[in-house]
Amino acid sequence: MLAHGGGTVAYIGATSSVKGYAKSSAFATGKFALRALAQCNAREFGPQGIHVFHVIIDGGIDNVPLGEDRAVKPGRLDSRAIARVVAQAVAQPRDTWVHEFDIRPSAENF
């Protein structure tokens, strides 16, 4: 990416990236570390034209295969919609890069 003058690295995390829960120390520790890695890499490689961002997926994912037209279960996230949101972040112009954002279903309690 450096040789080509740019690119994108998207780290996909979970709610545990920012909030630990009981009996989730092993998972949360890894997700906290992933978030820190994204921050470090964004600061190191951003000035060199590489967009690094972290996405927090806050909810269950309903995997709907491409081409299939069925409703997503209430309170769950559509995997295709997640892909569209991440693709929007990838397409951002360099002067307005986002570093971190949450994706959650509208029915989620937070």
PDB file of N, CA and C in Angstrom:
ATOM      1  N   MET A   1       0.830  -1.197   0.000  1.00  0.00           N
ATOM      2  CA  MET A   1       0.000   0.000   0.000  1.00  0.00           C
ATOM      3  C   MET A   1       0.867   1.251   0.000  1.00  0.00           C
ATOM      4  N   LEU A   2       1.940   1.212   0.759  1.00  0.00           N
ATOM      5  CA  LEU A   2       2.832   2.377   0.786  1.00  0.00           C
ATOM      6  C   LEU A   2       3.432   2.624  -0.592  1.00  0.00           C
ATOM      7  N   ALA A   3       3.811   1.562  -1.270  1.00  0.00           N
ATOM      8  CA  ALA A   3       4.403   1.703  -2.602  1.00  0.00           C
ATOM      9  C   ALA A   3       3.405   2.271  -3.606  1.00  0.00           C
ATOM     10  N   HIS A   4       2.111   2.047  -3.382  1.00  0.00           N
ATOM     11  CA  HIS A   4       1.068   2.535  -4.275  1.00  0.00           C
ATOM     12  C   HIS A   4       0.482   3.866  -3.827  1.00  0.00           C
ATOM     13  N   GLY A   5       0.975   4.408  -2.714  1.00  0.00           N
ATOM     14  CA  GLY A   5       0.531   5.717  -2.263  1.00  0.00           C
ATOM     15  C   GLY A   5      -0.795   5.741  -1.533  1.00  0.00           C
ATOM     16  N   GLY A   6      -1.300   4.599  -1.120  1.00  0.00           N
ATOM     17  CA  GLY A   6      -2.549   4.613  -0.368  1.00  0.00           C
ATOM     18  C   GLY A   6      -3.203   3.256  -0.306  1.00  0.00           C
ATOM     19  N   GLY A   7      -4.275   3.228   0.466  1.00  0.00           N
ATOM     20  CA  GLY A   7      -5.026   2.002   0.646  1.00  0.00           C
ATOM     21  C   GLY A   7      -5.886   2.116   1.888  1.00  0.00           C
ATOM     22  N   THR A   8      -6.497   1.029   2.267  1.00  0.00           N
ATOM     23  CA  THR A   8      -7.397   1.023   3.419  1.00  0.00           C
ATOM     24  C   THR A   8      -7.194  -0.244   4.226  1.00  0.00           C
ATOM     25  N   VAL A   9      -7.197  -0.085   5.547  1.00  0.00           N
ATOM     26  CA  VAL A   9      -7.193  -1.216   6.476  1.00  0.00           C
ATOM     27  C   VAL A   9      -8.380  -1.013   7.402  1.00  0.00           C
ATOM     28  N   ALA A  10      -9.304  -1.957   7.391  1.00  0.00           N
ATOM     29  CA  ALA A  10     -10.487  -1.888   8.257  1.00  0.00           C
ATOM     30  C   ALA A  10     -10.399  -2.991   9.298  1.00  0.00           C
ATOM     31  N   TYR A  11     -10.381  -2.604  10.555  1.00  0.00           N
ATOM     32  CA  TYR A  11     -10.404  -3.564  11.663  1.00  0.00           C
ATOM     33  C   TYR A  11     -11.850  -3.684  12.129  1.00  0.00           C
ATOM     34  N   ILE A  12     -12.316  -4.912  12.268  1.00  0.00           N
ATOM     35  CA  ILE A  12     -13.694  -5.144  12.689  1.00  0.00           C
ATOM     36  C   ILE A  12     -13.676  -5.671  14.118  1.00  0.00           C
ATOM     37  N   GLY A  13     -14.272  -4.902  15.019  1.00  0.00           N
ATOM     38  CA  GLY A  13     -14.319  -5.271  16.421  1.00  0.00           C
ATOM     39  C   GLY A  13     -15.733  -5.563  16.872  1.00  0.00           C
ATOM     40  N   ALA A  14     -15.936  -5.471  18.157  1.00  0.00           N
ATOM     41  CA  ALA A  14     -17.234  -5.739  18.765  1.00  0.00           C
ATOM     42  C   ALA A  14     -17.419  -4.773  19.932  1.00  0.00           C
ATOM     43  N   THR A  15     -18.575  -4.821  20.549  1.00  0.00           N
ATOM     44  CA  THR A  15     -18.841  -3.971  21.709  1.00  0.00           C
ATOM     45  C   THR A  15     -17.762  -4.160  22.764  1.00  0.00           C
ATOM     46  N   SER A  16     -17.228  -5.360  22.860  1.00  0.00           N
ATOM     47  CA  SER A  16     -16.171  -5.633  23.833  1.00  0.00           C
ATOM     48  C   SER A  16     -14.899  -4.841  23.564  1.00  0.00           C
ATOM     49  N   SER A  17     -14.813  -4.155  22.432  1.00  0.00           N
ATOM     50  CA  SER A  17     -13.674  -3.286  22.155  1.00  0.00           C
ATOM     51  C   SER A  17     -13.634  -2.094  23.093  1.00  0.00           C
ATOM     52  N   VAL A  18     -14.797  -1.723  23.609  1.00  0.00           N
ATOM     53  CA  VAL A  18     -14.888  -0.527  24.454  1.00  0.00           C
ATOM     54  C   VAL A  18     -15.513  -0.792  25.817  1.00  0.00           C
ATOM     55  N   LYS A  19     -16.067  -2.007  25.999  1.00  0.00           N
ATOM     56  CA  LYS A  19     -16.751  -2.304  27.252  1.00  0.00           C
ATOM     57  C   LYS A  19     -16.618  -3.795  27.553  1.00  0.00           C
ATOM     58  N   GLY A  20     -15.984  -4.100  28.674  1.00  0.00           N
ATOM     59  CA  GLY A  20     -15.837  -5.493  29.064  1.00  0.00           C
ATOM     60  C   GLY A  20     -17.050  -5.974  29.850  1.00  0.00           C
ATOM     61  N   TYR A  21     -17.368  -7.225  29.699  1.00  0.00           N
ATOM     62  CA  TYR A  21     -18.503  -7.836  30.401  1.00  0.00           C
ATOM     63  C   TYR A  21     -17.993  -8.962  31.288  1.00  0.00           C
ATOM     64  N   ALA A  22     -18.795  -9.339  32.272  1.00  0.00           N
ATOM     65  CA  ALA A  22     -18.451 -10.474  33.120  1.00  0.00           C
ATOM     66  C   ALA A  22     -18.262 -11.718  32.252  1.00  0.00           C
ATOM     67  N   LYS A  23     -17.296 -12.515  32.600  1.00  0.00           N
ATOM     68  CA  LYS A  23     -17.001 -13.778  31.921  1.00  0.00           C
ATOM     69  C   LYS A  23     -16.605 -13.604  30.453  1.00  0.00           C
ATOM     70  N   SER A  24     -16.094 -12.428  30.098  1.00  0.00           N
ATOM     71  CA  SER A  24     -15.655 -12.218  28.713  1.00  0.00           C
ATOM     72  C   SER A  24     -14.241 -11.653  28.653  1.00  0.00           C
ATOM     73  N   SER A  25     -13.450 -11.881  29.697  1.00  0.00           N
ATOM     74  CA  SER A  25     -12.129 -11.247  29.753  1.00  0.00           C
ATOM     75  C   SER A  25     -11.225 -11.657  28.591  1.00  0.00           C
ATOM     76  N   ALA A  26     -11.241 -12.902  28.184  1.00  0.00           N
ATOM     77  CA  ALA A  26     -10.380 -13.323  27.076  1.00  0.00           C
ATOM     78  C   ALA A  26     -10.793 -12.636  25.770  1.00  0.00           C
ATOM     79  N   PHE A  27     -12.074 -12.594  25.497  1.00  0.00           N
ATOM     80  CA  PHE A  27     -12.568 -11.962  24.272  1.00  0.00           C
ATOM     81  C   PHE A  27     -12.350 -10.450  24.316  1.00  0.00           C
ATOM     82  N   ALA A  28     -12.719  -9.818  25.438  1.00  0.00           N
ATOM     83  CA  ALA A  28     -12.606  -8.360  25.554  1.00  0.00           C
ATOM     84  C   ALA A  28     -11.158  -7.900  25.461  1.00  0.00           C
ATOM     85  N   THR A  29     -10.247  -8.650  26.049  1.00  0.00           N
ATOM     86  CA  THR A  29      -8.831  -8.275  25.995  1.00  0.00           C
ATOM     87  C   THR A  29      -8.346  -8.214  24.550  1.00  0.00           C
ATOM     88  N   GLY A  30      -8.720  -9.204  23.766  1.00  0.00           N
ATOM     89  CA  GLY A  30      -8.330  -9.207  22.357  1.00  0.00           C
ATOM     90  C   GLY A  30      -8.955  -8.062  21.580  1.00  0.00           C
ATOM     91  N   LYS A  31     -10.217  -7.763  21.857  1.00  0.00           N
ATOM     92  CA  LYS A  31     -10.899  -6.685  21.137  1.00  0.00           C
ATOM     93  C   LYS A  31     -10.369  -5.314  21.553  1.00  0.00           C
ATOM     94  N   PHE A  32     -10.045  -5.138  22.842  1.00  0.00           N
ATOM     95  CA  PHE A  32      -9.412  -3.895  23.285  1.00  0.00           C
ATOM     96  C   PHE A  32      -8.082  -3.716  22.547  1.00  0.00           C
ATOM     97  N   ALA A  33      -7.304  -4.791  22.451  1.00  0.00           N
ATOM     98  CA  ALA A  33      -6.006  -4.733  21.775  1.00  0.00           C
ATOM     99  C   ALA A  33      -6.163  -4.407  20.292  1.00  0.00           C
ATOM    100  N   LEU A  34      -7.176  -4.983  19.659  1.00  0.00           N
ATOM    101  CA  LEU A  34      -7.419  -4.693  18.247  1.00  0.00           C
ATOM    102  C   LEU A  34      -7.717  -3.212  18.041  1.00  0.00           C
ATOM    103  N   ARG A  35      -8.514  -2.650  18.938  1.00  0.00           N
ATOM    104  CA  ARG A  35      -8.839  -1.222  18.857  1.00  0.00           C
ATOM    105  C   ARG A  35      -7.575  -0.370  19.015  1.00  0.00           C
ATOM    106  N   ALA A  36      -6.714  -0.741  19.949  1.00  0.00           N
ATOM    107  CA  ALA A  36      -5.454  -0.013  20.143  1.00  0.00           C
ATOM    108  C   ALA A  36      -4.563  -0.128  18.909  1.00  0.00           C
ATOM    109  N   LEU A  37      -4.520  -1.312  18.315  1.00  0.00           N
ATOM    110  CA  LEU A  37      -3.740  -1.507  17.094  1.00  0.00           C
ATOM    111  C   LEU A  37      -4.244  -0.599  15.981  1.00  0.00           C
ATOM    112  N   ALA A  38      -5.558  -0.500  15.846  1.00  0.00           N
ATOM    113  CA  ALA A  38      -6.131   0.380  14.818  1.00  0.00           C
ATOM    114  C   ALA A  38      -5.736   1.832  15.064  1.00  0.00           C
ATOM    115  N   GLN A  39      -5.765   2.270  16.324  1.00  0.00           N
ATOM    116  CA  GLN A  39      -5.376   3.643  16.637  1.00  0.00           C
ATOM    117  C   GLN A  39      -3.903   3.886  16.305  1.00  0.00           C
ATOM    118  N   CYS A  40      -3.039   2.961  16.707  1.00  0.00           N
ATOM    119  CA  CYS A  40      -1.606   3.101  16.424  1.00  0.00           C
ATOM    120  C   CYS A  40      -1.341   3.132  14.922  1.00  0.00           C
ATOM    121  N   ASN A  41      -1.956   2.197  14.199  1.00  0.00           N
ATOM    122  CA  ASN A  41      -1.732   2.141  12.758  1.00  0.00           C
ATOM    123  C   ASN A  41      -2.295   3.355  12.035  1.00  0.00           C
ATOM    124  N   ALA A  42      -3.429   3.875  12.508  1.00  0.00           N
ATOM    125  CA  ALA A  42      -3.997   5.079  11.886  1.00  0.00           C
ATOM    126  C   ALA A  42      -3.035   6.259  12.034  1.00  0.00           C
ATOM    127  N   ARG A  43      -2.437   6.382  13.203  1.00  0.00           N
ATOM    128  CA  ARG A  43      -1.501   7.491  13.423  1.00  0.00           C
ATOM    129  C   ARG A  43      -0.189   7.297  12.658  1.00  0.00           C
ATOM    130  N   GLU A  44       0.227   6.054  12.520  1.00  0.00           N
ATOM    131  CA  GLU A  44       1.476   5.786  11.810  1.00  0.00           C
ATOM    132  C   GLU A  44       1.320   5.872  10.301  1.00  0.00           C
ATOM    133  N   PHE A  45       0.240   5.288   9.772  1.00  0.00           N
ATOM    134  CA  PHE A  45       0.116   5.165   8.325  1.00  0.00           C
ATOM    135  C   PHE A  45      -0.825   6.179   7.672  1.00  0.00           C
ATOM    136  N   GLY A  46      -1.685   6.826   8.459  1.00  0.00           N
ATOM    137  CA  GLY A  46      -2.579   7.839   7.904  1.00  0.00           C
ATOM    138  C   GLY A  46      -1.839   8.935   7.152  1.00  0.00           C
ATOM    139  N   PRO A  47      -0.781   9.509   7.757  1.00  0.00           N
ATOM    140  CA  PRO A  47      -0.037  10.553   7.050  1.00  0.00           C
ATOM    141  C   PRO A  47       0.611  10.079   5.752  1.00  0.00           C
ATOM    142  N   GLN A  48       0.706   8.763   5.582  1.00  0.00           N
ATOM    143  CA  GLN A  48       1.298   8.203   4.370  1.00  0.00           C
ATOM    144  C   GLN A  48       0.233   7.759   3.368  1.00  0.00           C
ATOM    145  N   GLY A  49      -1.032   8.158   3.625  1.00  0.00           N
ATOM    146  CA  GLY A  49      -2.102   7.899   2.662  1.00  0.00           C
ATOM    147  C   GLY A  49      -2.876   6.618   2.869  1.00  0.00           C
ATOM    148  N   ILE A  50      -2.652   5.939   3.986  1.00  0.00           N
ATOM    149  CA  ILE A  50      -3.389   4.701   4.243  1.00  0.00           C
ATOM    150  C   ILE A  50      -4.470   4.972   5.283  1.00  0.00           C
ATOM    151  N   HIS A  51      -5.713   4.746   4.887  1.00  0.00           N
ATOM    152  CA  HIS A  51      -6.865   4.969   5.767  1.00  0.00           C
ATOM    153  C   HIS A  51      -7.050   3.741   6.643  1.00  0.00           C
ATOM    154  N   VAL A  52      -6.885   3.915   7.951  1.00  0.00           N
ATOM    155  CA  VAL A  52      -7.063   2.827   8.912  1.00  0.00           C
ATOM    156  C   VAL A  52      -8.246   3.191   9.798  1.00  0.00           C
ATOM    157  N   PHE A  53      -9.212   2.284   9.905  1.00  0.00           N
ATOM    158  CA  PHE A  53     -10.338   2.563  10.790  1.00  0.00           C
ATOM    159  C   PHE A  53     -10.805   1.302  11.500  1.00  0.00           C
ATOM    160  N   HIS A  54     -11.571   1.526  12.561  1.00  0.00           N
ATOM    161  CA  HIS A  54     -12.067   0.454  13.419  1.00  0.00           C
ATOM    162  C   HIS A  54     -13.588   0.524  13.441  1.00  0.00           C
ATOM    163  N   VAL A  55     -14.230  -0.606  13.220  1.00  0.00           N
ATOM    164  CA  VAL A  55     -15.686  -0.689  13.215  1.00  0.00           C
ATOM    165  C   VAL A  55     -16.122  -1.539  14.408  1.00  0.00           C
ATOM    166  N   ILE A  56     -17.023  -1.008  15.206  1.00  0.00           N
ATOM    167  CA  ILE A  56     -17.582  -1.748  16.329  1.00  0.00           C
ATOM    168  C   ILE A  56     -18.920  -2.323  15.879  1.00  0.00           C
ATOM    169  N   ILE A  57     -19.015  -3.638  15.828  1.00  0.00           N
ATOM    170  CA  ILE A  57     -20.271  -4.309  15.484  1.00  0.00           C
ATOM    171  C   ILE A  57     -20.974  -4.604  16.808  1.00  0.00           C
ATOM    172  N   ASP A  58     -22.068  -3.920  17.037  1.00  0.00           N
ATOM    173  CA  ASP A  58     -22.784  -4.023  18.311  1.00  0.00           C
ATOM    174  C   ASP A  58     -24.111  -4.739  18.105  1.00  0.00           C
ATOM    175  N   GLY A  59     -24.027  -6.052  17.902  1.00  0.00           N
ATOM    176  CA  GLY A  59     -25.240  -6.834  17.721  1.00  0.00           C
ATOM    177  C   GLY A  59     -24.971  -8.113  16.975  1.00  0.00           C
ATOM    178  N   GLY A  60     -25.959  -8.974  16.971  1.00  0.00           N
ATOM    179  CA  GLY A  60     -25.870 -10.227  16.245  1.00  0.00           C
ATOM    180  C   GLY A  60     -26.005  -9.997  14.755  1.00  0.00           C
ATOM    181  N   ILE A  61     -25.304 -10.785  13.986  1.00  0.00           N
ATOM    182  CA  ILE A  61     -25.308 -10.634  12.531  1.00  0.00           C
ATOM    183  C   ILE A  61     -26.121 -11.754  11.906  1.00  0.00           C
ATOM    184  N   ASP A  62     -27.048 -11.372  11.049  1.00  0.00           N
ATOM    185  CA  ASP A  62     -27.861 -12.321  10.301  1.00  0.00           C
ATOM    186  C   ASP A  62     -27.262 -12.414   8.902  1.00  0.00           C
ATOM    187  N   ASN A  63     -26.641 -13.515   8.605  1.00  0.00           N
ATOM    188  CA  ASN A  63     -25.974 -13.683   7.321  1.00  0.00           C
ATOM    189  C   ASN A  63     -26.981 -14.074   6.254  1.00  0.00           C
ATOM    190  N   VAL A  64     -27.239 -13.164   5.340  1.00  0.00           N
ATOM    191  CA  VAL A  64     -28.153 -13.415   4.227  1.00  0.00           C
ATOM    192  C   VAL A  64     -27.296 -13.550   2.968  1.00  0.00           C
ATOM    193  N   PRO A  65     -27.295 -14.709   2.334  1.00  0.00           N
ATOM    194  CA  PRO A  65     -26.464 -14.910   1.140  1.00  0.00           C
ATOM    195  C   PRO A  65     -26.804 -13.912   0.027  1.00  0.00           C
ATOM    196  N   LEU A  66     -25.798 -13.551  -0.744  1.00  0.00           N
ATOM    197  CA  LEU A  66     -26.011 -12.657  -1.878  1.00  0.00           C
ATOM    198  C   LEU A  66     -27.048 -13.257  -2.813  1.00  0.00           C
ATOM    199  N   GLY A  67     -27.895 -12.407  -3.310  1.00  0.00           N
ATOM    200  CA  GLY A  67     -28.922 -12.852  -4.236  1.00  0.00           C
ATOM    201  C   GLY A  67     -30.171 -13.376  -3.562  1.00  0.00           C
ATOM    202  N   GLU A  68     -30.096 -13.655  -2.287  1.00  0.00           N
ATOM    203  CA  GLU A  68     -31.272 -14.150  -1.571  1.00  0.00           C
ATOM    204  C   GLU A  68     -32.057 -12.962  -1.038  1.00  0.00           C
ATOM    205  N   ASP A  69     -33.349 -13.011  -1.194  1.00  0.00           N
ATOM    206  CA  ASP A  69     -34.197 -11.900  -0.777  1.00  0.00           C
ATOM    207  C   ASP A  69     -35.091 -12.356   0.375  1.00  0.00           C
ATOM    208  N   ARG A  70     -34.557 -12.277   1.572  1.00  0.00           N
ATOM    209  CA  ARG A  70     -35.362 -12.617   2.742  1.00  0.00           C
ATOM    210  C   ARG A  70     -35.124 -11.578   3.821  1.00  0.00           C
ATOM    211  N   ALA A  71     -36.078 -11.436   4.675  1.00  0.00           N
ATOM    212  CA  ALA A  71     -35.999 -10.437   5.737  1.00  0.00           C
ATOM    213  C   ALA A  71     -34.994 -10.875   6.799  1.00  0.00           C
ATOM    214  N   VAL A  72     -34.314  -9.885   7.342  1.00  0.00           N
ATOM    215  CA  VAL A  72     -33.394 -10.120   8.449  1.00  0.00           C
ATOM    216  C   VAL A  72     -34.216 -10.233   9.726  1.00  0.00           C
ATOM    217  N   LYS A  73     -33.793 -11.095  10.619  1.00  0.00           N
ATOM    218  CA  LYS A  73     -34.509 -11.275  11.877  1.00  0.00           C
ATOM    219  C   LYS A  73     -34.520  -9.958  12.656  1.00  0.00           C
ATOM    220  N   PRO A  74     -35.641  -9.639  13.305  1.00  0.00           N
ATOM    221  CA  PRO A  74     -35.722  -8.389  14.079  1.00  0.00           C
ATOM    222  C   PRO A  74     -34.616  -8.311  15.137  1.00  0.00           C
ATOM    223  N   GLY A  75     -34.034  -7.129  15.265  1.00  0.00           N
ATOM    224  CA  GLY A  75     -32.989  -6.903  16.254  1.00  0.00           C
ATOM    225  C   GLY A  75     -31.614  -7.395  15.843  1.00  0.00           C
ATOM    226  N   ARG A  76     -31.485  -7.874  14.606  1.00  0.00           N
ATOM    227  CA  ARG A  76     -30.189  -8.362  14.129  1.00  0.00           C
ATOM    228  C   ARG A  76     -29.695  -7.470  13.003  1.00  0.00           C
ATOM    229  N   LEU A  77     -28.421  -7.604  12.688  1.00  0.00           N
ATOM    230  CA  LEU A  77     -27.805  -6.814  11.631  1.00  0.00           C
ATOM    231  C   LEU A  77     -27.702  -7.638  10.359  1.00  0.00           C
ATOM    232  N   ASP A  78     -27.994  -7.019   9.241  1.00  0.00           N
ATOM    233  CA  ASP A  78     -27.881  -7.650   7.928  1.00  0.00           C
ATOM    234  C   ASP A  78     -26.418  -7.574   7.486  1.00  0.00           C
ATOM    235  N   SER A  79     -25.808  -8.710   7.218  1.00  0.00           N
ATOM    236  CA  SER A  79     -24.400  -8.733   6.819  1.00  0.00           C
ATOM    237  C   SER A  79     -24.160  -7.897   5.563  1.00  0.00           C
ATOM    238  N   ARG A  80     -25.134  -7.853   4.655  1.00  0.00           N
ATOM    239  CA  ARG A  80     -24.985  -7.051   3.430  1.00  0.00           C
ATOM    240  C   ARG A  80     -24.985  -5.563   3.752  1.00  0.00           C
ATOM    241  N   ALA A  81     -25.799  -5.151   4.723  1.00  0.00           N
ATOM    242  CA  ALA A  81     -25.839  -3.739   5.127  1.00  0.00           C
ATOM    243  C   ALA A  81     -24.533  -3.336   5.801  1.00  0.00           C
ATOM    244  N   ILE A  82     -23.978  -4.242   6.604  1.00  0.00           N
ATOM    245  CA  ILE A  82     -22.678  -3.960   7.228  1.00  0.00           C
ATOM    246  C   ILE A  82     -21.636  -3.727   6.136  1.00  0.00           C
ATOM    247  N   ALA A  83     -21.629  -4.568   5.133  1.00  0.00           N
ATOM    248  CA  ALA A  83     -20.672  -4.426   4.035  1.00  0.00           C
ATOM    249  C   ALA A  83     -20.836  -3.095   3.322  1.00  0.00           C
ATOM    250  N   ARG A  84     -22.076  -2.656   3.136  1.00  0.00           N
ATOM    251  CA  ARG A  84     -22.310  -1.359   2.467  1.00  0.00           C
ATOM    252  C   ARG A  84     -21.770  -0.205   3.306  1.00  0.00           C
ATOM    253  N   VAL A  85     -21.970  -0.250   4.617  1.00  0.00           N
ATOM    254  CA  VAL A  85     -21.492   0.829   5.494  1.00  0.00           C
ATOM    255  C   VAL A  85     -19.960   0.864   5.505  1.00  0.00           C
ATOM    256  N   VAL A  86     -19.335  -0.299   5.578  1.00  0.00           N
ATOM    257  CA  VAL A  86     -17.873  -0.347   5.553  1.00  0.00           C
ATOM    258  C   VAL A  86     -17.358   0.150   4.203  1.00  0.00           C
ATOM    259  N   ALA A  87     -18.020  -0.207   3.115  1.00  0.00           N
ATOM    260  CA  ALA A  87     -17.608   0.271   1.790  1.00  0.00           C
ATOM    261  C   ALA A  87     -17.708   1.794   1.693  1.00  0.00           C
ATOM    262  N   GLN A  88     -18.713   2.381   2.346  1.00  0.00           N
ATOM    263  CA  GLN A  88     -18.817   3.846   2.371  1.00  0.00           C
ATOM    264  C   GLN A  88     -17.612   4.464   3.072  1.00  0.00           C
ATOM    265  N   ALA A  89     -17.172   3.840   4.158  1.00  0.00           N
ATOM    266  CA  ALA A  89     -15.997   4.356   4.867  1.00  0.00           C
ATOM    267  C   ALA A  89     -14.740   4.227   4.008  1.00  0.00           C
ATOM    268  N   VAL A  90     -14.627   3.131   3.284  1.00  0.00           N
ATOM    269  CA  VAL A  90     -13.473   2.931   2.403  1.00  0.00           C
ATOM    270  C   VAL A  90     -13.425   4.012   1.323  1.00  0.00           C
ATOM    271  N   ALA A  91     -14.580   4.442   0.847  1.00  0.00           N
ATOM    272  CA  ALA A  91     -14.652   5.411  -0.248  1.00  0.00           C
ATOM    273  C   ALA A  91     -14.521   6.869   0.197  1.00  0.00           C
ATOM    274  N   GLN A  92     -14.319   7.120   1.473  1.00  0.00           N
ATOM    275  CA  GLN A  92     -14.245   8.505   1.950  1.00  0.00           C
ATOM    276  C   GLN A  92     -13.027   9.230   1.379  1.00  0.00           C
ATOM    277  N   PRO A  93     -13.193  10.512   1.082  1.00  0.00           N
ATOM    278  CA  PRO A  93     -12.035  11.286   0.642  1.00  0.00           C
ATOM    279  C   PRO A  93     -11.059  11.498   1.805  1.00  0.00           C
ATOM    280  N   ARG A  94      -9.794  11.668   1.482  1.00  0.00           N
ATOM    281  CA  ARG A  94      -8.746  11.766   2.509  1.00  0.00           C
ATOM    282  C   ARG A  94      -8.953  12.906   3.500  1.00  0.00           C
ATOM    283  N   ASP A  95      -9.629  13.960   3.096  1.00  0.00           N
ATOM    284  CA  ASP A  95      -9.794  15.087   4.029  1.00  0.00           C
ATOM    285  C   ASP A  95     -10.929  14.877   5.028  1.00  0.00           C
ATOM    286  N   THR A  96     -11.645  13.752   4.924  1.00  0.00           N
ATOM    287  CA  THR A  96     -12.737  13.489   5.871  1.00  0.00           C
ATOM    288  C   THR A  96     -12.772  12.022   6.300  1.00  0.00           C
ATOM    289  N   TRP A  97     -11.637  11.447   6.568  1.00  0.00           N
ATOM    290  CA  TRP A  97     -11.588  10.060   7.007  1.00  0.00           C
ATOM    291  C   TRP A  97     -12.191   9.897   8.395  1.00  0.00           C
ATOM    292  N   VAL A  98     -12.976   8.873   8.566  1.00  0.00           N
ATOM    293  CA  VAL A  98     -13.479   8.487   9.882  1.00  0.00           C
ATOM    294  C   VAL A  98     -12.487   7.469  10.444  1.00  0.00           C
ATOM    295  N   HIS A  99     -12.312   7.484  11.766  1.00  0.00           N
ATOM    296  CA  HIS A  99     -11.421   6.486  12.363  1.00  0.00           C
ATOM    297  C   HIS A  99     -12.196   5.342  13.017  1.00  0.00           C
ATOM    298  N   GLU A 100     -13.328   5.654  13.644  1.00  0.00           N
ATOM    299  CA  GLU A 100     -14.051   4.611  14.361  1.00  0.00           C
ATOM    300  C   GLU A 100     -15.543   4.909  14.317  1.00  0.00           C
ATOM    301  N   PHE A 101     -16.335   3.849  14.169  1.00  0.00           N
ATOM    302  CA  PHE A 101     -17.777   4.019  14.232  1.00  0.00           C
ATOM    303  C   PHE A 101     -18.425   2.724  14.686  1.00  0.00           C
ATOM    304  N   ASP A 102     -19.646   2.857  15.209  1.00  0.00           N
ATOM    305  CA  ASP A 102     -20.432   1.720  15.688  1.00  0.00           C
ATOM    306  C   ASP A 102     -21.527   1.412  14.673  1.00  0.00           C
ATOM    307  N   ILE A 103     -21.803   0.145  14.518  1.00  0.00           N
ATOM    308  CA  ILE A 103     -22.954  -0.305  13.742  1.00  0.00           C
ATOM    309  C   ILE A 103     -23.819  -1.108  14.696  1.00  0.00           C
ATOM    310  N   ARG A 104     -25.104  -0.720  14.820  1.00  0.00           N
ATOM    311  CA  ARG A 104     -26.008  -1.432  15.725  1.00  0.00           C
ATOM    312  C   ARG A 104     -27.408  -1.438  15.132  1.00  0.00           C
ATOM    313  N   PRO A 105     -28.211  -2.433  15.496  1.00  0.00           N
ATOM    314  CA  PRO A 105     -29.587  -2.445  15.010  1.00  0.00           C
ATOM    315  C   PRO A 105     -30.410  -1.367  15.721  1.00  0.00           C
ATOM    316  N   SER A 106     -31.456  -0.902  15.087  1.00  0.00           N
ATOM    317  CA  SER A 106     -32.270   0.163  15.673  1.00  0.00           C
ATOM    318  C   SER A 106     -32.934  -0.258  16.971  1.00  0.00           C
ATOM    319  N   ALA A 107     -33.143  -1.553  17.173  1.00  0.00           N
ATOM    320  CA  ALA A 107     -33.832  -2.029  18.372  1.00  0.00           C
ATOM    321  C   ALA A 107     -32.870  -2.301  19.527  1.00  0.00           C
ATOM    322  N   GLU A 108     -31.581  -2.066  19.353  1.00  0.00           N
ATOM    323  CA  GLU A 108     -30.600  -2.387  20.373  1.00  0.00           C
ATOM    324  C   GLU A 108     -30.672  -1.404  21.539  1.00  0.00           C
ATOM    325  N   ASN A 109     -30.558  -1.912  22.762  1.00  0.00           N
ATOM    326  CA  ASN A 109     -30.492  -1.056  23.949  1.00  0.00           C
ATOM    327  C   ASN A 109     -29.053  -0.747  24.274  1.00  0.00           C
ATOM    328  N   PHE A 110     -28.702   0.536  24.287  1.00  0.00           N
ATOM    329  CA  PHE A 110     -27.312   0.910  24.608  1.00  0.00           C
ATOM    330  C   PHE A 110     -27.294   2.105  25.531  1.00  0.00           C
TER     331      PHE A 110
END
